[in-house]
Amino acid sequence: MKHSEKNLMPRSESRHFLFGCDPNMVEPLVVAWAGIWQHMRKQELVFHLRAIDVAPRQIERFKVWCGKRSIMLRVYDHSGIAMQGSGTLAYPESSTVRLVPLQELHEVGERLVYLDADLIVLADLNPLFEISLSGNPCAACVDPVVARAPRNEALGLPSDAAYFNAGVMVIDVAAWSEARISERAMQFLQQHPDLCKFPDQDALNATIGGNYVLLDSRYNTFALLEDSTRDWGMGRVAVVHFAMYPKPWDLKQLKSGDLERAAYFWSQACLGLRPGRARLVALWLKLRNRFRRAAGRGLAALSRWRCRLTPPWLEAQYCRVRFVLSRGKWR
């Protein structure tokens, strides 16, 4: 594993990106596209989309959206693909396309950047096309959430090997294809489904085995690990990855701690599909977050006031009633 700050490659005209999409990732995908287009509109962009059970009507919408922005879109139908694994997480089908061989792509060029659909792009990604991979098949960021030692032990890797997150990968197409990474990872997953908690990501780590270039974490910053969204808009973060659950677009499952990040996502969604709706959702989430904070401060003040003024005997009765209401029975 080597760092990627040395030896820039010469620029090429086209920038090729690979994405996967299932019906649940349609709107988030366009948000990711919008961020790329906003910061790289002077480049010739080529989007390779591996679609899983996406309706033809939606594919046409994708083509219209890309056509208005002079983006070349190439769609590959991978409906029916399925990954096996022992994980209990709701693993998105859109990520399974990472194991499909690159030979199925048309005129992809020498360098390919794979991006998950559940992220937003906040900066120019041209540096990803200019770093030298030194013959390695890919470059990626260390996964900040997955415990490295248990995963490495399960996958048969050295305990000190860096376990990478496959949500953002810079791929050397020739080296990847020559090493048959996709085919070998698919074979590993089929032979050892019980070992793979994160199906294709585990299989890729087991196959590549640390032979990758380490990317700066700004290109794959996990949203739920950040205390605030302030740094995201200051140029310190290039890619914000909503890798954890709930996702910002799962409005019914959001908790109070997720509202600020969700509002930021929807403010970026104004660049994608239905900007009016995105603005309304972002405003609603901000107001909801402020109301919850104000309500929390009010309840805390009320609790302090009650503790000062309530006699001990009445406080005991209050606690007893709370216990009854929470448990539903007397003791």
Protein backbone atom coordinates (compact mmCIF):
# COMPACT_ATOMS: atom_id res chain seq x y z
CA MET A 1 0.00 0.00 0.00
CA LYS A 2 1.51 3.35 -1.03
CA HIS A 3 0.50 6.96 -0.60
CA SER A 4 -0.84 8.82 -3.60
CA GLU A 5 0.74 12.25 -3.25
CA LYS A 6 3.66 11.57 -5.63
CA ASN A 7 4.12 11.47 -9.41
CA LEU A 8 1.18 12.94 -11.26
CA MET A 9 0.14 11.35 -14.53
CA PRO A 10 -0.48 13.48 -17.65
CA ARG A 11 -4.02 14.78 -18.08
CA SER A 12 -6.40 13.04 -20.46
CA GLU A 13 -9.42 14.65 -22.09
CA SER A 14 -12.21 12.34 -20.89
CA ARG A 15 -13.07 11.60 -17.28
CA HIS A 16 -14.75 8.23 -16.89
CA PHE A 17 -16.91 7.47 -13.84
CA LEU A 18 -18.61 4.18 -12.95
CA PHE A 19 -21.82 4.00 -10.91
CA GLY A 20 -24.37 1.42 -9.86
CA CYS A 21 -28.04 2.16 -9.39
CA ASP A 22 -31.10 0.27 -8.19
CA PRO A 23 -34.64 1.72 -7.80
CA ASN A 24 -33.84 2.97 -4.27
CA MET A 25 -30.82 5.01 -5.42
CA VAL A 26 -32.29 6.96 -8.35
CA GLU A 27 -32.53 10.39 -6.74
CA PRO A 28 -29.30 10.15 -4.68
CA LEU A 29 -27.44 9.14 -7.83
CA VAL A 30 -28.43 12.33 -9.61
CA VAL A 31 -27.25 14.33 -6.59
CA ALA A 32 -23.82 12.69 -6.96
CA TRP A 33 -23.84 13.43 -10.69
CA ALA A 34 -24.77 17.06 -10.08
CA GLY A 35 -21.80 17.55 -7.76
CA ILE A 36 -19.39 16.11 -10.32
CA TRP A 37 -20.83 18.24 -13.11
CA GLN A 38 -20.74 21.39 -10.99
CA HIS A 39 -17.01 21.08 -10.30
CA MET A 40 -15.88 19.43 -13.55
CA ARG A 41 -18.13 20.93 -16.21
CA LYS A 42 -15.12 22.02 -18.29
CA GLN A 43 -14.07 18.38 -18.66
CA GLU A 44 -15.47 15.82 -21.06
CA LEU A 45 -17.44 13.60 -18.67
CA VAL A 46 -18.43 10.00 -19.38
CA PHE A 47 -20.76 8.27 -16.91
CA HIS A 48 -20.94 4.45 -17.03
CA LEU A 49 -24.13 3.34 -15.27
CA ARG A 50 -24.76 -0.28 -14.33
CA ALA A 51 -28.49 -0.36 -13.71
CA ILE A 52 -30.24 -3.02 -11.62
CA ASP A 53 -34.01 -3.21 -12.17
CA VAL A 54 -34.24 0.50 -13.02
CA ALA A 55 -37.37 1.32 -15.06
CA PRO A 56 -36.82 2.28 -18.72
CA ARG A 57 -38.70 5.52 -18.10
CA GLN A 58 -36.16 6.47 -15.45
CA ILE A 59 -33.27 5.58 -17.77
CA GLU A 60 -34.70 8.02 -20.30
CA ARG A 61 -34.80 10.70 -17.61
CA PHE A 62 -31.15 10.00 -16.86
CA LYS A 63 -30.31 10.44 -20.54
CA VAL A 64 -32.20 13.73 -20.76
CA TRP A 65 -30.51 15.04 -17.61
CA CYS A 66 -27.05 14.14 -18.89
CA GLY A 67 -27.80 15.37 -22.41
CA LYS A 68 -28.66 18.86 -21.16
CA ARG A 69 -25.24 19.03 -19.50
CA SER A 70 -23.23 17.52 -22.38
CA ILE A 71 -22.43 14.41 -20.33
CA MET A 72 -22.02 11.14 -22.20
CA LEU A 73 -24.08 8.42 -20.49
CA ARG A 74 -23.60 4.71 -21.16
CA VAL A 75 -26.09 2.37 -19.52
CA TYR A 76 -25.52 -1.34 -18.89
CA ASP A 77 -28.40 -3.51 -17.71
CA HIS A 78 -27.45 -5.80 -14.83
CA SER A 79 -30.92 -6.70 -13.59
CA GLY A 80 -31.06 -9.91 -11.61
CA ILE A 81 -27.55 -9.68 -10.18
CA ALA A 82 -27.31 -10.75 -6.53
CA MET A 83 -24.52 -11.00 -3.98
CA GLN A 84 -24.36 -13.44 -1.11
CA GLY A 85 -22.90 -12.79 2.29
CA SER A 86 -23.41 -13.33 5.99
CA GLY A 87 -24.08 -9.68 6.80
CA THR A 88 -27.36 -8.63 8.38
CA LEU A 89 -27.16 -5.06 7.05
CA ALA A 90 -29.49 -3.89 4.29
CA TYR A 91 -26.72 -3.93 1.71
CA PRO A 92 -27.72 -1.88 -1.38
CA GLU A 93 -27.90 -3.82 -4.62
CA SER A 94 -26.35 -0.88 -6.46
CA SER A 95 -22.97 -1.63 -4.88
CA THR A 96 -22.84 -5.18 -6.21
CA VAL A 97 -21.84 -3.95 -9.67
CA ARG A 98 -18.30 -3.48 -8.38
CA LEU A 99 -17.66 -7.17 -9.03
CA VAL A 100 -18.80 -7.16 -12.65
CA PRO A 101 -15.75 -7.41 -14.96
CA LEU A 102 -14.60 -4.15 -16.53
CA GLN A 103 -14.35 -5.79 -19.95
CA GLU A 104 -18.09 -5.24 -20.32
CA LEU A 105 -17.59 -1.46 -20.40
CA HIS A 106 -17.13 0.26 -23.75
CA GLU A 107 -14.18 2.56 -24.48
CA VAL A 108 -13.54 3.24 -20.82
CA GLY A 109 -10.01 4.57 -21.16
CA GLU A 110 -7.01 3.95 -18.92
CA ARG A 111 -8.40 5.39 -15.68
CA LEU A 112 -11.82 4.84 -14.12
CA VAL A 113 -13.26 6.28 -10.91
CA TYR A 114 -15.97 4.23 -9.19
CA LEU A 115 -18.35 6.10 -6.87
CA ASP A 116 -21.22 4.84 -4.76
CA ALA A 117 -24.58 6.52 -5.31
CA ASP A 118 -24.98 7.56 -1.65
CA LEU A 119 -22.51 10.45 -1.65
CA ILE A 120 -22.17 14.09 -2.63
CA VAL A 121 -19.22 15.66 -4.44
CA LEU A 122 -18.02 19.02 -3.12
CA ALA A 123 -14.77 19.57 -5.02
CA ASP A 124 -12.93 18.93 -8.27
CA LEU A 125 -12.10 15.23 -8.70
CA ASN A 126 -9.48 15.73 -11.40
CA PRO A 127 -6.66 14.87 -8.94
CA LEU A 128 -8.02 11.32 -8.81
CA PHE A 129 -7.28 10.95 -12.52
CA GLU A 130 -3.76 12.32 -12.17
CA ILE A 131 -2.29 10.29 -9.31
CA SER A 132 0.08 7.46 -10.11
CA LEU A 133 -1.08 4.01 -9.09
CA SER A 134 2.42 2.53 -9.61
CA GLY A 135 1.07 -0.62 -11.21
CA ASN A 136 -1.49 -1.27 -8.45
CA PRO A 137 -5.03 -2.08 -9.55
CA CYS A 138 -6.70 0.69 -7.57
CA ALA A 139 -6.55 3.44 -4.98
CA ALA A 140 -8.98 3.75 -2.07
CA CYS A 141 -9.44 5.18 1.43
CA VAL A 142 -9.19 3.25 4.68
CA ASP A 143 -12.63 2.36 6.04
CA PRO A 144 -13.00 4.39 9.27
CA VAL A 145 -15.91 2.33 10.63
CA VAL A 146 -15.11 -1.34 10.05
CA ALA A 147 -12.88 -2.84 12.73
CA ARG A 148 -9.71 -3.73 10.87
CA ALA A 149 -8.33 -6.63 12.93
CA PRO A 150 -11.50 -8.81 13.05
CA ARG A 151 -12.17 -8.32 9.34
CA ASN A 152 -8.56 -9.07 8.37
CA GLU A 153 -8.55 -12.18 10.52
CA ALA A 154 -11.80 -13.41 8.96
CA LEU A 155 -10.55 -12.73 5.43
CA GLY A 156 -7.10 -14.22 5.96
CA LEU A 157 -5.24 -10.90 5.68
CA PRO A 158 -2.36 -9.66 7.87
CA SER A 159 -3.64 -8.05 11.06
CA ASP A 160 -1.92 -4.74 10.25
CA ALA A 161 -3.26 -4.55 6.68
CA ALA A 162 -5.43 -1.51 5.97
CA TYR A 163 -9.04 -2.47 5.22
CA PHE A 164 -10.36 -0.10 2.55
CA ASN A 165 -13.84 1.16 1.81
CA ALA A 166 -14.94 0.38 -1.74
CA GLY A 167 -17.34 3.32 -2.05
CA VAL A 168 -14.69 5.42 -3.79
CA MET A 169 -12.09 3.65 -5.93
CA VAL A 170 -9.66 4.91 -8.55
CA ILE A 171 -9.12 1.99 -10.92
CA ASP A 172 -6.28 1.30 -13.32
CA VAL A 173 -8.33 -0.51 -15.94
CA ALA A 174 -5.41 -2.45 -17.44
CA ALA A 175 -3.95 -3.58 -14.10
CA TRP A 176 -7.39 -4.44 -12.70
CA SER A 177 -8.30 -6.51 -15.74
CA GLU A 178 -4.90 -8.20 -15.99
CA ALA A 179 -5.07 -9.27 -12.34
CA ARG A 180 -8.69 -10.44 -12.87
CA ILE A 181 -9.78 -8.64 -9.70
CA SER A 182 -13.51 -8.79 -10.47
CA GLU A 183 -13.50 -12.48 -11.38
CA ARG A 184 -11.37 -13.50 -8.39
CA ALA A 185 -13.44 -11.42 -5.97
CA MET A 186 -16.64 -12.97 -7.32
CA GLN A 187 -15.13 -16.41 -6.92
CA PHE A 188 -14.07 -15.65 -3.34
CA LEU A 189 -17.57 -14.49 -2.48
CA GLN A 190 -19.14 -17.60 -3.95
CA GLN A 191 -16.72 -19.91 -2.15
CA HIS A 192 -16.75 -18.12 1.24
CA PRO A 193 -20.15 -16.42 1.65
CA ASP A 194 -20.06 -17.03 5.40
CA LEU A 195 -16.90 -14.92 5.78
CA CYS A 196 -18.23 -11.86 3.96
CA LYS A 197 -20.15 -9.55 6.26
CA PHE A 198 -19.92 -6.76 3.67
CA PRO A 199 -20.25 -8.93 0.56
CA ASP A 200 -18.39 -7.37 -2.35
CA GLN A 201 -16.24 -5.06 -0.20
CA ASP A 202 -14.91 -7.98 1.82
CA ALA A 203 -14.30 -9.94 -1.37
CA LEU A 204 -12.36 -7.05 -2.92
CA ASN A 205 -10.22 -6.60 0.19
CA ALA A 206 -9.46 -10.31 0.30
CA THR A 207 -8.55 -10.34 -3.39
CA ILE A 208 -6.47 -7.16 -3.55
CA GLY A 209 -4.79 -7.91 -0.23
CA GLY A 210 -3.35 -4.49 0.49
CA ASN A 211 -1.92 -3.95 -3.01
CA TYR A 212 -3.54 -0.58 -3.49
CA VAL A 213 -2.64 3.10 -3.20
CA LEU A 214 -3.91 4.94 -0.16
CA LEU A 215 -6.12 7.95 -0.92
CA ASP A 216 -6.48 10.95 1.31
CA SER A 217 -9.57 10.65 3.52
CA ARG A 218 -11.01 13.87 2.05
CA TYR A 219 -12.08 11.80 -0.96
CA ASN A 220 -14.23 9.48 1.17
CA THR A 221 -15.36 11.25 4.34
CA PHE A 222 -18.04 9.37 6.22
CA ALA A 223 -20.90 11.70 7.09
CA LEU A 224 -21.89 10.17 10.43
CA LEU A 225 -18.36 10.53 11.81
CA GLU A 226 -18.42 14.33 11.47
CA ASP A 227 -19.60 16.50 14.36
CA SER A 228 -20.63 19.31 12.03
CA THR A 229 -21.20 20.02 8.37
CA ARG A 230 -19.20 23.27 8.47
CA ASP A 231 -15.99 21.74 7.14
CA TRP A 232 -17.78 20.17 4.18
CA GLY A 233 -18.30 23.49 2.45
CA MET A 234 -14.82 24.87 3.19
CA GLY A 235 -12.92 22.80 0.63
CA ARG A 236 -11.45 20.40 3.19
CA VAL A 237 -13.75 17.58 2.09
CA ALA A 238 -14.12 16.52 -1.55
CA VAL A 239 -16.55 13.60 -1.17
CA VAL A 240 -19.07 13.12 1.65
CA HIS A 241 -20.16 9.50 1.86
CA PHE A 242 -23.47 8.67 3.58
CA ALA A 243 -22.35 5.09 4.11
CA MET A 244 -24.23 4.50 7.34
CA TYR A 245 -27.94 4.30 8.10
CA PRO A 246 -30.36 6.00 8.01
CA LYS A 247 -29.72 7.73 4.70
CA PRO A 248 -30.53 11.47 4.37
CA TRP A 249 -33.39 10.73 1.99
CA ASP A 250 -35.04 8.28 4.43
CA LEU A 251 -36.94 11.12 6.07
CA LYS A 252 -39.17 8.91 8.22
CA GLN A 253 -36.16 7.21 9.86
CA LEU A 254 -34.09 10.31 10.63
CA LYS A 255 -33.22 11.05 14.24
CA SER A 256 -32.47 14.44 15.75
CA GLY A 257 -28.71 13.95 15.37
CA ASP A 258 -29.07 13.28 11.63
CA LEU A 259 -31.10 16.36 10.72
CA GLU A 260 -28.19 18.73 10.11
CA ARG A 261 -26.47 16.29 7.75
CA ALA A 262 -29.73 15.49 5.98
CA ALA A 263 -30.44 19.20 5.46
CA TYR A 264 -26.98 19.61 3.94
CA PHE A 265 -27.61 16.71 1.56
CA TRP A 266 -30.90 18.19 0.39
CA SER A 267 -29.33 21.62 -0.10
CA GLN A 268 -26.93 19.91 -2.52
CA ALA A 269 -29.84 18.08 -4.10
CA CYS A 270 -31.05 21.41 -5.49
CA LEU A 271 -28.51 20.85 -8.29
CA GLY A 272 -30.12 17.55 -9.24
CA LEU A 273 -33.71 16.47 -9.91
CA ARG A 274 -36.68 18.57 -8.74
CA PRO A 275 -34.77 21.49 -7.16
CA GLY A 276 -37.94 23.08 -5.78
CA ARG A 277 -38.77 19.98 -3.74
CA ALA A 278 -35.18 19.70 -2.54
CA ARG A 279 -35.20 23.29 -1.27
CA LEU A 280 -38.46 22.73 0.62
CA VAL A 281 -37.16 19.53 2.23
CA ALA A 282 -33.88 21.21 3.23
CA LEU A 283 -35.79 24.14 4.79
CA TRP A 284 -38.17 21.78 6.61
CA LEU A 285 -35.26 19.77 8.05
CA LYS A 286 -33.50 22.93 9.27
CA LEU A 287 -36.65 24.20 10.97
CA ARG A 288 -37.29 20.76 12.46
CA ASN A 289 -33.74 20.65 13.84
CA ARG A 290 -34.04 24.14 15.38
CA PHE A 291 -37.40 23.27 16.95
CA ARG A 292 -35.99 20.11 18.52
CA ARG A 293 -33.03 21.99 19.93
CA ALA A 294 -35.27 24.72 21.37
CA ALA A 295 -37.66 22.14 22.80
CA GLY A 296 -34.75 20.29 24.39
CA ARG A 297 -33.45 23.45 26.03
CA GLY A 298 -36.97 24.30 27.25
CA LEU A 299 -37.50 20.87 28.78
CA ALA A 300 -34.10 20.99 30.47
CA ALA A 301 -34.92 24.39 32.00
CA LEU A 302 -38.34 23.14 33.11
CA SER A 303 -36.75 20.09 34.73
CA ARG A 304 -34.27 22.25 36.67
CA TRP A 305 -37.08 24.56 37.82
CA ARG A 306 -39.23 21.60 38.92
CA CYS A 307 -36.38 20.10 40.95
CA ARG A 308 -35.88 23.38 42.83
CA LEU A 309 -39.53 24.07 43.67
CA THR A 310 -41.12 20.62 44.07
CA PRO A 311 -41.38 19.30 47.67
CA PRO A 312 -39.71 15.91 48.26
CA TRP A 313 -43.00 14.09 48.89
CA LEU A 314 -44.46 15.39 45.59
CA GLU A 315 -41.27 14.52 43.72
CA ALA A 316 -41.59 10.93 44.98
CA GLN A 317 -45.18 10.72 43.67
CA TYR A 318 -44.06 12.21 40.35
CA CYS A 319 -41.35 9.57 39.96
CA ARG A 320 -43.83 6.84 40.86
CA VAL A 321 -46.31 8.00 38.21
CA ARG A 322 -43.53 8.14 35.59
CA PHE A 323 -42.57 4.59 36.49
CA VAL A 324 -46.14 3.39 36.11
CA LEU A 325 -46.57 5.07 32.76
CA SER A 326 -43.32 3.67 31.41
CA ARG A 327 -43.71 0.11 32.70
CA GLY A 328 -47.49 -0.13 32.72
CA LYS A 329 -47.75 -1.81 36.15
CA TRP A 330 -47.18 -1.23 39.84
CA ARG A 331 -44.50 -2.85 41.90
